[in-house]
Amino acid sequence: MLRTELLNESEKLAECLLSDDQVDTLLQSAEEIAAGIENLDLDVDFSSFWQLDASIGGIGGYCLLSSMKPFRNPFLHGMARELFRSIQYAAAQILYHNGPNTARTIVEFAGMHLEAVTKFWANRTSSVLDANHYKRLPLGNSLYTLKKRGLVADGLAESLDAFLTLYNLAKHETTHDDRDRTFSVPDALVNYLSSRILSRRILKPYYDEILHGIPDYEKSFPGINMNP
C-alpha cells in the first residue's frame, strides 16, 4: 500500500504557500493518482489539478500537456530549457503516475526546477565576474547567497527553507526501499505546486524576457496563463 499522509515537512510547506481549497484539490488528485498506481491504471482524470496549476500562471505542466503525449522537448535551447525542463519532467511523472517511486521522483524534479530558478536569480543579481560561479551552485548554496545579500524576504525565506528540507530528503536518502517509501503522492503534489508558486514569484521580473526568447511561445505552451 502506498502512503497517503503528508510528512510534517510537507504540511509546513503547504501552510506557507497553499490555501485550504488548494490543499483539498491537491489531496483529491493525490487519491486518484495513488489509486491509478496501485491499479496500474493510467486513465485518471485529474483535470482539476491542472486547473489549479494553471491558476498559478507562468510555464507549468498545465500548458505542457500537449508536449507529453507523445513526450517531446519544447525547450530546445537557452534559459527556458535550463529553467523549465525539470518542471516538465515533474509534470510528466504526475501525468503518467506509473510506479511506486513516482512521488520521490516528482519531488526531485520539482527541486531541480527551483534549483535552476534560484541559480538564475543569484546570477542575475551578481556582478558579471561572479556569474559563472553562481551557475554551479546547488539550491542550498544559492539560497544562502541570496539571503546574505538581503534579497529574500522573511516569508519567502521560510517557504524556500521548508522546500529545501524536502528536496534534500529526496536527494540524499541512501536506501532504495527507504527512498520509495519516504514520500507519499500528496507530498509530491505539495512539492510540485510549491515549486511552481515559488518560481513564479522569483521569476516575475524576468518572465517577459524569458518568454520572448522562445519563438512562438504561445504555440509551444497552449493556454499559458500570464495574468496572476
Protein backbone atom coordinates (compact mmCIF):
# COMPACT_ATOMS: atom_id res chain seq x y z
CA MET A 1 0.00 0.00 0.00
CA LEU A 2 1.22 3.49 -0.83
CA ARG A 3 1.45 6.06 1.93
CA THR A 4 -1.28 8.69 1.69
CA GLU A 5 -0.47 11.03 4.59
CA LEU A 6 1.69 14.13 4.38
CA LEU A 7 5.08 14.36 6.01
CA ASN A 8 5.31 17.04 8.69
CA GLU A 9 7.68 18.97 6.44
CA SER A 10 5.14 18.89 3.60
CA GLU A 11 2.40 20.12 5.93
CA LYS A 12 4.63 23.04 6.91
CA LEU A 13 5.32 23.85 3.26
CA ALA A 14 1.61 23.70 2.42
CA GLU A 15 0.80 26.02 5.33
CA CYS A 16 3.30 28.54 3.96
CA LEU A 17 2.04 28.58 0.39
CA LEU A 18 -1.32 26.88 -0.21
CA SER A 19 -4.89 27.77 0.70
CA ASP A 20 -7.30 25.24 2.22
CA ASP A 21 -9.13 24.97 -1.12
CA GLN A 22 -5.88 24.31 -2.95
CA VAL A 23 -4.95 21.60 -0.47
CA ASP A 24 -8.38 19.96 -0.84
CA THR A 25 -8.00 19.85 -4.64
CA LEU A 26 -4.47 18.52 -4.28
CA LEU A 27 -5.50 15.73 -1.88
CA GLN A 28 -8.36 14.63 -4.14
CA SER A 29 -5.98 14.44 -7.10
CA ALA A 30 -3.43 12.55 -4.99
CA GLU A 31 -6.03 9.91 -4.10
CA GLU A 32 -6.81 9.39 -7.79
CA ILE A 33 -3.13 9.15 -8.73
CA ALA A 34 -2.37 6.71 -5.89
CA ALA A 35 -5.31 4.55 -6.94
CA GLY A 36 -4.06 4.64 -10.53
CA ILE A 37 -0.59 3.49 -9.45
CA GLU A 38 -1.94 0.63 -7.36
CA ASN A 39 -4.39 -0.49 -10.06
CA LEU A 40 -1.95 0.04 -12.96
CA ASP A 41 -4.48 2.46 -14.43
CA LEU A 42 -3.10 5.39 -16.43
CA ASP A 43 -6.54 6.67 -17.43
CA VAL A 44 -7.06 9.01 -14.49
CA ASP A 45 -8.88 12.33 -14.88
CA PHE A 46 -7.44 14.93 -12.56
CA SER A 47 -8.16 18.00 -14.70
CA SER A 48 -8.95 19.91 -11.50
CA PHE A 49 -5.27 19.64 -10.55
CA TRP A 50 -4.14 21.12 -13.86
CA GLN A 51 -6.67 23.92 -13.40
CA LEU A 52 -5.06 24.60 -10.02
CA ASP A 53 -1.65 24.56 -11.69
CA ALA A 54 -2.90 27.00 -14.34
CA SER A 55 -4.13 29.41 -11.67
CA ILE A 56 -0.51 29.89 -10.56
CA GLY A 57 0.41 31.17 -14.00
CA GLY A 58 3.66 31.00 -15.92
CA ILE A 59 5.08 27.86 -17.52
CA GLY A 60 3.90 24.68 -15.82
CA GLY A 61 2.52 21.25 -16.51
CA TYR A 62 -0.92 22.56 -17.43
CA CYS A 63 0.42 24.22 -20.60
CA LEU A 64 2.90 21.44 -21.36
CA LEU A 65 0.38 18.58 -21.58
CA SER A 66 0.47 18.60 -25.38
CA SER A 67 4.26 18.12 -25.16
CA MET A 68 3.91 14.99 -23.05
CA LYS A 69 1.71 12.83 -25.27
CA PRO A 70 3.94 11.97 -27.05
CA PHE A 71 6.72 13.31 -24.85
CA ARG A 72 8.80 15.95 -26.60
CA ASN A 73 11.01 18.88 -25.69
CA PRO A 74 9.59 22.37 -26.33
CA PHE A 75 12.72 23.90 -24.77
CA LEU A 76 15.37 23.44 -27.43
CA HIS A 77 17.99 25.79 -26.01
CA GLY A 78 18.62 28.86 -23.88
CA MET A 79 17.49 29.92 -20.44
CA ALA A 80 13.97 28.48 -20.82
CA ARG A 81 15.44 24.98 -21.18
CA GLU A 82 17.57 25.44 -18.06
CA LEU A 83 14.64 26.81 -16.05
CA PHE A 84 11.67 24.68 -17.13
CA ARG A 85 12.80 21.31 -18.47
CA SER A 86 12.76 19.86 -14.95
CA ILE A 87 9.22 21.03 -14.25
CA GLN A 88 8.14 19.34 -17.49
CA TYR A 89 9.64 16.09 -16.19
CA ALA A 90 7.86 16.53 -12.85
CA ALA A 91 4.54 17.15 -14.59
CA ALA A 92 5.08 14.09 -16.80
CA GLN A 93 5.53 11.96 -13.69
CA ILE A 94 2.22 13.29 -12.39
CA LEU A 95 0.51 12.63 -15.72
CA TYR A 96 1.81 9.08 -16.15
CA HIS A 97 1.98 8.10 -12.42
CA ASN A 98 3.47 4.77 -13.37
CA GLY A 99 5.23 3.39 -10.31
CA PRO A 100 5.68 3.39 -6.52
CA ASN A 101 8.73 5.63 -6.85
CA THR A 102 6.75 8.31 -8.68
CA ALA A 103 6.35 10.56 -5.63
CA ARG A 104 10.05 10.84 -4.82
CA THR A 105 10.88 11.45 -8.47
CA ILE A 106 8.36 14.31 -8.64
CA VAL A 107 9.93 15.90 -5.55
CA GLU A 108 13.40 15.62 -7.12
CA PHE A 109 12.37 17.16 -10.43
CA ALA A 110 10.42 19.95 -8.69
CA GLY A 111 13.54 20.64 -6.63
CA MET A 112 15.73 20.70 -9.73
CA HIS A 113 13.38 23.27 -11.23
CA LEU A 114 13.59 25.53 -8.19
CA GLU A 115 17.35 24.99 -8.02
CA ALA A 116 17.64 26.28 -11.59
CA VAL A 117 15.44 29.25 -10.74
CA THR A 118 17.50 30.27 -7.71
CA LYS A 119 20.73 29.90 -9.69
CA PHE A 120 19.24 32.19 -12.31
CA TRP A 121 18.21 34.68 -9.60
CA ALA A 122 21.64 34.64 -7.98
CA ASN A 123 23.26 35.05 -11.38
CA ARG A 124 21.06 37.98 -12.38
CA THR A 125 21.75 39.83 -9.14
CA SER A 126 25.52 39.30 -9.20
CA SER A 127 28.39 41.02 -10.94
CA VAL A 128 29.46 39.82 -14.37
CA LEU A 129 32.65 38.39 -12.86
CA ASP A 130 30.69 36.19 -10.43
CA ALA A 131 28.05 34.97 -12.91
CA ASN A 132 29.66 31.65 -13.86
CA HIS A 133 30.22 30.79 -10.20
CA TYR A 134 26.54 31.06 -9.37
CA LYS A 135 25.55 28.82 -12.28
CA ARG A 136 27.15 25.90 -10.42
CA LEU A 137 25.51 26.42 -7.03
CA PRO A 138 23.11 23.84 -5.57
CA LEU A 139 19.81 25.07 -4.13
CA GLY A 140 21.02 25.45 -0.54
CA ASN A 141 24.06 27.50 -1.54
CA SER A 142 22.02 29.70 -3.85
CA LEU A 143 19.58 30.44 -1.05
CA TYR A 144 22.40 31.23 1.36
CA THR A 145 23.90 33.66 -1.16
CA LEU A 146 20.58 35.36 -1.85
CA LYS A 147 19.77 35.69 1.85
CA LYS A 148 23.22 37.09 2.58
CA ARG A 149 22.55 39.79 0.01
CA GLY A 150 19.24 40.62 1.69
CA LEU A 151 17.21 39.70 -1.39
CA VAL A 152 14.92 37.12 0.24
CA ALA A 153 12.00 38.45 2.28
CA ASP A 154 11.21 36.63 5.53
CA GLY A 155 8.02 34.97 4.27
CA LEU A 156 9.72 33.76 1.10
CA ALA A 157 12.73 32.55 3.07
CA GLU A 158 10.55 30.37 5.31
CA SER A 159 8.91 28.74 2.29
CA LEU A 160 12.20 28.19 0.49
CA ASP A 161 13.79 26.65 3.59
CA ALA A 162 10.83 24.27 4.01
CA PHE A 163 11.12 23.27 0.37
CA LEU A 164 14.88 22.76 0.66
CA THR A 165 14.40 20.32 3.55
CA LEU A 166 12.18 18.08 1.41
CA TYR A 167 14.39 18.35 -1.67
CA ASN A 168 17.42 17.30 0.34
CA LEU A 169 15.47 14.37 1.74
CA ALA A 170 14.59 13.26 -1.80
CA LYS A 171 18.21 13.53 -2.95
CA HIS A 172 20.11 12.09 -0.02
CA GLU A 173 18.20 9.08 1.31
CA THR A 174 20.55 6.21 0.51
CA THR A 175 18.50 3.02 0.91
CA HIS A 176 16.43 2.24 -2.17
CA ASP A 177 13.48 0.86 -0.17
CA ASP A 178 13.51 3.93 2.08
CA ARG A 179 13.60 6.22 -0.94
CA ASP A 180 10.50 4.54 -2.33
CA ARG A 181 8.60 4.87 0.92
CA THR A 182 9.72 8.31 2.08
CA PHE A 183 7.22 10.36 0.11
CA SER A 184 3.52 9.98 -0.48
CA VAL A 185 1.73 11.18 -3.60
CA PRO A 186 0.29 14.15 -1.62
CA ASP A 187 3.86 15.07 -0.59
CA ALA A 188 4.83 15.09 -4.26
CA LEU A 189 1.94 17.33 -5.31
CA VAL A 190 2.63 19.77 -2.46
CA ASN A 191 6.24 20.00 -3.62
CA TYR A 192 5.28 20.38 -7.27
CA LEU A 193 2.80 23.20 -6.63
CA SER A 194 5.14 24.87 -4.15
CA SER A 195 8.00 24.90 -6.65
CA ARG A 196 5.63 26.44 -9.20
CA ILE A 197 4.45 29.15 -6.80
CA LEU A 198 7.94 29.99 -5.60
CA SER A 199 9.47 30.07 -9.07
CA ARG A 200 6.59 32.23 -10.34
CA ARG A 201 7.31 34.77 -7.61
CA ILE A 202 11.05 34.75 -8.13
CA LEU A 203 10.92 34.94 -11.93
CA LYS A 204 8.19 37.59 -12.15
CA PRO A 205 10.58 40.43 -13.11
CA TYR A 206 12.18 38.27 -15.79
CA TYR A 207 9.24 36.46 -17.38
CA ASP A 208 8.78 38.77 -20.37
CA GLU A 209 12.44 38.35 -21.27
CA ILE A 210 12.25 34.57 -20.86
CA LEU A 211 9.13 34.17 -22.99
CA HIS A 212 10.35 36.45 -25.76
CA GLY A 213 13.43 34.26 -26.02
CA ILE A 214 11.18 31.36 -27.07
CA PRO A 215 9.98 31.51 -30.70
CA ASP A 216 6.16 31.31 -30.91
CA TYR A 217 5.90 30.62 -27.19
CA GLU A 218 2.10 30.82 -27.21
CA LYS A 219 2.02 27.99 -29.76
CA SER A 220 4.53 25.94 -27.75
CA PHE A 221 2.61 26.45 -24.49
CA PRO A 222 -1.11 26.41 -25.38
CA GLY A 223 -3.32 28.06 -22.78
CA ILE A 224 -0.42 29.68 -20.94
CA ASN A 225 -1.71 31.99 -18.24
CA MET A 226 0.36 35.10 -17.57
CA ASN A 227 -2.28 37.06 -15.63
CA PRO A 228 -1.61 36.27 -11.94
